[in-house]
Amino acid sequence: MSKGRVILSKERFQLTIERLCHQLIEKYDSFENTCIVGIQPRGVYFSNRLHQRLSSILKLKSLEYGKLDISFFRDDFRQRDRPIKTYATDLEFLIENKKVILVDDVLYTGRTIQAAMSALQNFGRPNQVELITLVDRRFNRHLPVQADFVGMTIDSLDEAFVKVEWEESDGEDKILIFPRKLKSH
C-alpha cells in the first residue's frame, strides 16, 4: 500500500470543525426543533465532535443527537462476497417535522447519503434535511447529492482515495489522500 499525503493537519482539522460549527450556529441559531444525525461508522466521529462543540458554545442542555446505521439500505448490500458489518442505530426520537442535520465524513459518490435518506424515513418525515460533510469529492458523484456545509473540497478526477483519520480511532486527527484506492481488509 502506498503512503498517503496529509492534506489537512491536526491544527487545521480542528479549525475546520470550529468554522463548521459557527456556520451551523448562523443557520440554526438555538437549534430549536433541530437534530443532528451521524451516519455510522465514520460520520459518527464527526457528529460527536459537532454535537459536543455546539453544546459547549451555545450552552445547550439538550441538542437532540442520534447515530444511524445504513447497512441494510445500501444499494450494494446484496452484492458483497462476505457479510456486511453493521453498527448500532441510536436514534431515540422521531424526526417528524424536524430539521435534520445529516453528518458524514466524506461525500464521494452520494450512495451513502441516498442510503441514509432511506433509513431516516423509518423515524418520521422531516421538515428539512441538510448535509454536512468534512470532505467533498465533488467530481466523483454518481447521484445528484450535494452537501450544504463542507469542511474542504477535493477536486480529484482519478482514483485517488481520501481518508479522514480521527484521534478516537486512528490516534490523530488528519485527512490524507492516497494515489489510488486502498484495498479494504
C-alpha atoms as a PDB file:
ATOM      1  CA  MET A   1       0.000   0.000   0.000  1.00  0.00           C
ATOM      2  CA  SER A   2       1.293   3.431  -0.884  1.00  0.00           C
ATOM      3  CA  LYS A   3       1.714   6.106   1.728  1.00  0.00           C
ATOM      4  CA  GLY A   4      -0.851   8.862   1.914  1.00  0.00           C
ATOM      5  CA  ARG A   5      -0.108  12.568   1.794  1.00  0.00           C
ATOM      6  CA  VAL A   6      -1.519  14.730   4.590  1.00  0.00           C
ATOM      7  CA  ILE A   7      -3.838  17.365   3.114  1.00  0.00           C
ATOM      8  CA  LEU A   8      -5.254  18.642   6.412  1.00  0.00           C
ATOM      9  CA  SER A   9      -3.175  18.542   9.595  1.00  0.00           C
ATOM     10  CA  LYS A  10      -4.388  18.289  13.178  1.00  0.00           C
ATOM     11  CA  GLU A  11      -4.363  22.060  13.765  1.00  0.00           C
ATOM     12  CA  ARG A  12      -6.304  22.947  10.600  1.00  0.00           C
ATOM     13  CA  PHE A  13      -8.598  19.966  11.204  1.00  0.00           C
ATOM     14  CA  GLN A  14      -9.798  21.492  14.486  1.00  0.00           C
ATOM     15  CA  LEU A  15     -10.148  24.946  12.902  1.00  0.00           C
ATOM     16  CA  THR A  16     -12.304  23.425  10.156  1.00  0.00           C
ATOM     17  CA  ILE A  17     -14.642  21.817  12.694  1.00  0.00           C
ATOM     18  CA  GLU A  18     -14.839  25.110  14.602  1.00  0.00           C
ATOM     19  CA  ARG A  19     -15.707  27.001  11.384  1.00  0.00           C
ATOM     20  CA  LEU A  20     -18.414  24.494  10.502  1.00  0.00           C
ATOM     21  CA  CYS A  21     -19.921  24.797  13.997  1.00  0.00           C
ATOM     22  CA  HIS A  22     -20.168  28.570  13.593  1.00  0.00           C
ATOM     23  CA  GLN A  23     -21.763  28.160  10.164  1.00  0.00           C
ATOM     24  CA  LEU A  24     -24.359  25.866  11.727  1.00  0.00           C
ATOM     25  CA  ILE A  25     -24.990  28.392  14.503  1.00  0.00           C
ATOM     26  CA  GLU A  26     -25.527  31.130  11.907  1.00  0.00           C
ATOM     27  CA  LYS A  27     -28.119  28.967  10.166  1.00  0.00           C
ATOM     28  CA  TYR A  28     -29.855  27.237  13.109  1.00  0.00           C
ATOM     29  CA  ASP A  29     -29.390  29.797  15.928  1.00  0.00           C
ATOM     30  CA  SER A  30     -30.673  27.975  19.053  1.00  0.00           C
ATOM     31  CA  PHE A  31     -31.259  24.666  17.206  1.00  0.00           C
ATOM     32  CA  GLU A  32     -34.922  24.671  18.141  1.00  0.00           C
ATOM     33  CA  ASN A  33     -36.736  21.726  16.530  1.00  0.00           C
ATOM     34  CA  THR A  34     -33.402  20.623  15.032  1.00  0.00           C
ATOM     35  CA  CYS A  35     -31.434  17.409  15.489  1.00  0.00           C
ATOM     36  CA  ILE A  36     -28.047  16.070  14.447  1.00  0.00           C
ATOM     37  CA  VAL A  37     -27.791  12.569  12.959  1.00  0.00           C
ATOM     38  CA  GLY A  38     -24.400  10.978  12.301  1.00  0.00           C
ATOM     39  CA  ILE A  39     -24.024   8.205   9.727  1.00  0.00           C
ATOM     40  CA  GLN A  40     -22.339   5.084  11.121  1.00  0.00           C
ATOM     41  CA  PRO A  41     -19.495   4.421  11.329  1.00  0.00           C
ATOM     42  CA  ARG A  42     -17.170   7.278  10.298  1.00  0.00           C
ATOM     43  CA  GLY A  43     -19.720  10.083  10.220  1.00  0.00           C
ATOM     44  CA  VAL A  44     -20.319   9.479  13.915  1.00  0.00           C
ATOM     45  CA  TYR A  45     -16.803  10.643  14.833  1.00  0.00           C
ATOM     46  CA  PHE A  46     -17.580  13.923  13.071  1.00  0.00           C
ATOM     47  CA  SER A  47     -21.096  14.238  14.501  1.00  0.00           C
ATOM     48  CA  ASN A  48     -19.787  13.541  18.030  1.00  0.00           C
ATOM     49  CA  ARG A  49     -17.385  16.459  17.651  1.00  0.00           C
ATOM     50  CA  LEU A  50     -20.055  18.754  16.219  1.00  0.00           C
ATOM     51  CA  HIS A  51     -22.551  17.859  18.942  1.00  0.00           C
ATOM     52  CA  GLN A  52     -20.024  18.355  21.757  1.00  0.00           C
ATOM     53  CA  ARG A  53     -18.718  21.657  20.403  1.00  0.00           C
ATOM     54  CA  LEU A  54     -22.145  23.117  19.586  1.00  0.00           C
ATOM     55  CA  SER A  55     -23.469  22.146  23.035  1.00  0.00           C
ATOM     56  CA  SER A  56     -20.444  23.821  24.606  1.00  0.00           C
ATOM     57  CA  ILE A  57     -20.552  27.045  22.551  1.00  0.00           C
ATOM     58  CA  LEU A  58     -24.303  27.519  22.939  1.00  0.00           C
ATOM     59  CA  LYS A  59     -24.530  26.112  26.485  1.00  0.00           C
ATOM     60  CA  LEU A  60     -27.326  23.834  25.282  1.00  0.00           C
ATOM     61  CA  LYS A  61     -28.702  21.408  27.818  1.00  0.00           C
ATOM     62  CA  SER A  62     -30.160  19.174  25.140  1.00  0.00           C
ATOM     63  CA  LEU A  63     -29.445  19.120  21.443  1.00  0.00           C
ATOM     64  CA  GLU A  64     -31.083  16.002  20.025  1.00  0.00           C
ATOM     65  CA  TYR A  65     -28.440  13.733  18.603  1.00  0.00           C
ATOM     66  CA  GLY A  66     -28.587  10.297  17.027  1.00  0.00           C
ATOM     67  CA  LYS A  67     -26.485   7.752  15.166  1.00  0.00           C
ATOM     68  CA  LEU A  68     -27.808   5.985  12.082  1.00  0.00           C
ATOM     69  CA  ASP A  69     -26.739   2.632  10.644  1.00  0.00           C
ATOM     70  CA  ILE A  70     -27.385   2.429   6.892  1.00  0.00           C
ATOM     71  CA  SER A  71     -26.004  -1.070   6.256  1.00  0.00           C
ATOM     72  CA  PHE A  72     -29.271  -2.634   5.084  1.00  0.00           C
ATOM     73  CA  PHE A  73     -30.228   0.389   2.987  1.00  0.00           C
ATOM     74  CA  ARG A  74     -27.109   0.345   0.789  1.00  0.00           C
ATOM     75  CA  ASP A  75     -27.653  -0.410  -2.900  1.00  0.00           C
ATOM     76  CA  ASP A  76     -24.697  -2.837  -2.856  1.00  0.00           C
ATOM     77  CA  PHE A  77     -25.951  -4.742   0.196  1.00  0.00           C
ATOM     78  CA  ARG A  78     -26.625  -7.984  -1.717  1.00  0.00           C
ATOM     79  CA  GLN A  79     -23.549  -7.714  -3.949  1.00  0.00           C
ATOM     80  CA  ARG A  80     -20.977  -8.407  -1.269  1.00  0.00           C
ATOM     81  CA  ASP A  81     -18.876 -11.578  -1.034  1.00  0.00           C
ATOM     82  CA  ARG A  82     -18.858 -11.551   2.744  1.00  0.00           C
ATOM     83  CA  PRO A  83     -21.385 -10.480   5.363  1.00  0.00           C
ATOM     84  CA  ILE A  84     -21.766  -6.742   5.778  1.00  0.00           C
ATOM     85  CA  LYS A  85     -20.624  -5.183   9.050  1.00  0.00           C
ATOM     86  CA  THR A  86     -23.472  -3.497  10.892  1.00  0.00           C
ATOM     87  CA  TYR A  87     -23.462  -0.815  13.562  1.00  0.00           C
ATOM     88  CA  ALA A  88     -25.920   0.339  16.177  1.00  0.00           C
ATOM     89  CA  THR A  89     -28.624   2.823  15.318  1.00  0.00           C
ATOM     90  CA  ASP A  90     -29.135   5.081  18.303  1.00  0.00           C
ATOM     91  CA  LEU A  91     -31.979   7.431  17.421  1.00  0.00           C
ATOM     92  CA  GLU A  92     -34.290   7.677  20.413  1.00  0.00           C
ATOM     93  CA  PHE A  93     -36.534  10.368  18.979  1.00  0.00           C
ATOM     94  CA  LEU A  94     -38.699  10.885  15.932  1.00  0.00           C
ATOM     95  CA  ILE A  95     -37.586  13.288  13.234  1.00  0.00           C
ATOM     96  CA  GLU A  96     -41.171  14.121  12.242  1.00  0.00           C
ATOM     97  CA  ASN A  97     -41.368  17.809  11.215  1.00  0.00           C
ATOM     98  CA  LYS A  98     -37.832  18.494  12.475  1.00  0.00           C
ATOM     99  CA  LYS A  99     -34.816  19.991  10.755  1.00  0.00           C
ATOM    100  CA  VAL A 100     -32.234  17.230  10.438  1.00  0.00           C
ATOM    101  CA  ILE A 101     -28.528  17.919  10.093  1.00  0.00           C
ATOM    102  CA  LEU A 102     -27.172  14.729   8.481  1.00  0.00           C
ATOM    103  CA  VAL A 103     -23.444  14.207   9.105  1.00  0.00           C
ATOM    104  CA  ASP A 104     -20.824  12.177   7.225  1.00  0.00           C
ATOM    105  CA  ASP A 105     -17.067  12.486   6.982  1.00  0.00           C
ATOM    106  CA  VAL A 106     -16.575  12.150   3.187  1.00  0.00           C
ATOM    107  CA  LEU A 107     -19.068  12.777   0.388  1.00  0.00           C
ATOM    108  CA  TYR A 108     -17.919  10.743  -2.592  1.00  0.00           C
ATOM    109  CA  THR A 109     -20.440   9.024  -4.902  1.00  0.00           C
ATOM    110  CA  GLY A 110     -23.574  10.060  -2.991  1.00  0.00           C
ATOM    111  CA  ARG A 111     -24.682   6.457  -2.429  1.00  0.00           C
ATOM    112  CA  THR A 112     -24.121   6.590   1.331  1.00  0.00           C
ATOM    113  CA  ILE A 113     -26.309   9.681   1.573  1.00  0.00           C
ATOM    114  CA  GLN A 114     -29.024   8.038  -0.530  1.00  0.00           C
ATOM    115  CA  ALA A 115     -28.995   5.061   1.857  1.00  0.00           C
ATOM    116  CA  ALA A 116     -29.107   7.400   4.875  1.00  0.00           C
ATOM    117  CA  MET A 117     -32.114   9.253   3.452  1.00  0.00           C
ATOM    118  CA  SER A 118     -33.923   5.928   3.034  1.00  0.00           C
ATOM    119  CA  ALA A 119     -33.011   4.835   6.571  1.00  0.00           C
ATOM    120  CA  LEU A 120     -34.190   8.164   8.029  1.00  0.00           C
ATOM    121  CA  GLN A 121     -37.708   7.509   6.734  1.00  0.00           C
ATOM    122  CA  ASN A 122     -38.139   4.920   9.495  1.00  0.00           C
ATOM    123  CA  PHE A 123     -38.050   7.751  12.040  1.00  0.00           C
ATOM    124  CA  GLY A 124     -40.629  10.081  10.527  1.00  0.00           C
ATOM    125  CA  ARG A 125     -40.925  12.699   7.849  1.00  0.00           C
ATOM    126  CA  PRO A 126     -38.517  15.568   8.495  1.00  0.00           C
ATOM    127  CA  ASN A 127     -39.332  19.154   7.662  1.00  0.00           C
ATOM    128  CA  GLN A 128     -35.859  19.587   6.176  1.00  0.00           C
ATOM    129  CA  VAL A 129     -32.621  17.618   5.814  1.00  0.00           C
ATOM    130  CA  GLU A 130     -29.280  19.318   5.280  1.00  0.00           C
ATOM    131  CA  LEU A 131     -25.959  17.567   4.816  1.00  0.00           C
ATOM    132  CA  ILE A 132     -22.683  18.493   6.447  1.00  0.00           C
ATOM    133  CA  THR A 133     -19.507  16.737   5.396  1.00  0.00           C
ATOM    134  CA  LEU A 134     -15.879  17.229   6.312  1.00  0.00           C
ATOM    135  CA  VAL A 135     -14.647  16.387   2.786  1.00  0.00           C
ATOM    136  CA  ASP A 136     -16.479  16.781  -0.528  1.00  0.00           C
ATOM    137  CA  ARG A 137     -15.085  14.828  -3.502  1.00  0.00           C
ATOM    138  CA  ARG A 138     -17.345  16.716  -5.910  1.00  0.00           C
ATOM    139  CA  PHE A 139     -16.104  15.361  -9.265  1.00  0.00           C
ATOM    140  CA  ASN A 140     -16.844  11.742  -8.376  1.00  0.00           C
ATOM    141  CA  ARG A 141     -20.589  11.865  -7.801  1.00  0.00           C
ATOM    142  CA  HIS A 142     -22.813   9.049  -9.085  1.00  0.00           C
ATOM    143  CA  LEU A 143     -26.025  10.574  -7.715  1.00  0.00           C
ATOM    144  CA  PRO A 144     -27.265  14.181  -7.601  1.00  0.00           C
ATOM    145  CA  VAL A 145     -26.292  14.818  -3.985  1.00  0.00           C
ATOM    146  CA  GLN A 146     -24.508  17.863  -2.630  1.00  0.00           C
ATOM    147  CA  ALA A 147     -23.525  19.000   0.832  1.00  0.00           C
ATOM    148  CA  ASP A 148     -24.942  22.156   2.389  1.00  0.00           C
ATOM    149  CA  PHE A 149     -21.904  22.615   4.653  1.00  0.00           C
ATOM    150  CA  VAL A 150     -18.409  21.492   3.619  1.00  0.00           C
ATOM    151  CA  GLY A 151     -15.129  21.445   5.519  1.00  0.00           C
ATOM    152  CA  MET A 152     -12.952  21.126   2.432  1.00  0.00           C
ATOM    153  CA  THR A 153     -13.413  20.264  -1.238  1.00  0.00           C
ATOM    154  CA  ILE A 154     -11.048  17.955  -3.057  1.00  0.00           C
ATOM    155  CA  ASP A 155     -11.116  18.033  -6.845  1.00  0.00           C
ATOM    156  CA  SER A 156      -9.555  14.786  -7.970  1.00  0.00           C
ATOM    157  CA  LEU A 157     -10.726  13.082 -11.148  1.00  0.00           C
ATOM    158  CA  ASP A 158      -8.615   9.972 -10.770  1.00  0.00           C
ATOM    159  CA  GLU A 159      -8.991   7.004  -8.450  1.00  0.00           C
ATOM    160  CA  ALA A 160      -7.373   8.820  -5.533  1.00  0.00           C
ATOM    161  CA  PHE A 161      -8.685   7.789  -2.140  1.00  0.00           C
ATOM    162  CA  VAL A 162      -9.337  10.226   0.704  1.00  0.00           C
ATOM    163  CA  LYS A 163      -9.261   9.050   4.301  1.00  0.00           C
ATOM    164  CA  VAL A 164     -10.254  11.037   7.365  1.00  0.00           C
ATOM    165  CA  GLU A 165      -8.385   9.842  10.434  1.00  0.00           C
ATOM    166  CA  TRP A 166      -9.862  10.566  13.863  1.00  0.00           C
ATOM    167  CA  GLU A 167      -7.968  10.722  17.137  1.00  0.00           C
ATOM    168  CA  GLU A 168     -10.531   8.368  18.690  1.00  0.00           C
ATOM    169  CA  SER A 169      -9.901   5.542  16.218  1.00  0.00           C
ATOM    170  CA  ASP A 170      -6.649   6.352  14.412  1.00  0.00           C
ATOM    171  CA  GLY A 171      -4.603   8.186  17.050  1.00  0.00           C
ATOM    172  CA  GLU A 172      -4.579  11.624  15.383  1.00  0.00           C
ATOM    173  CA  ASP A 173      -6.919  13.966  13.539  1.00  0.00           C
ATOM    174  CA  LYS A 174      -5.876  14.449   9.906  1.00  0.00           C
ATOM    175  CA  ILE A 175      -7.026  13.984   6.342  1.00  0.00           C
ATOM    176  CA  LEU A 176      -4.909  12.006   3.879  1.00  0.00           C
ATOM    177  CA  ILE A 177      -5.038  11.450   0.149  1.00  0.00           C
ATOM    178  CA  PHE A 178      -3.702   8.270  -1.418  1.00  0.00           C
ATOM    179  CA  PRO A 179      -2.847   7.997  -5.129  1.00  0.00           C
ATOM    180  CA  ARG A 180      -5.220   5.058  -5.652  1.00  0.00           C
ATOM    181  CA  LYS A 181      -7.987   3.347  -3.790  1.00  0.00           C
ATOM    182  CA  LEU A 182      -6.960   1.310  -0.762  1.00  0.00           C
ATOM    183  CA  LYS A 183      -7.998  -2.315  -0.550  1.00  0.00           C
ATOM    184  CA  SER A 184     -10.399  -2.917   2.321  1.00  0.00           C
ATOM    185  CA  HIS A 185      -9.463  -5.504   4.934  1.00  0.00           C
END
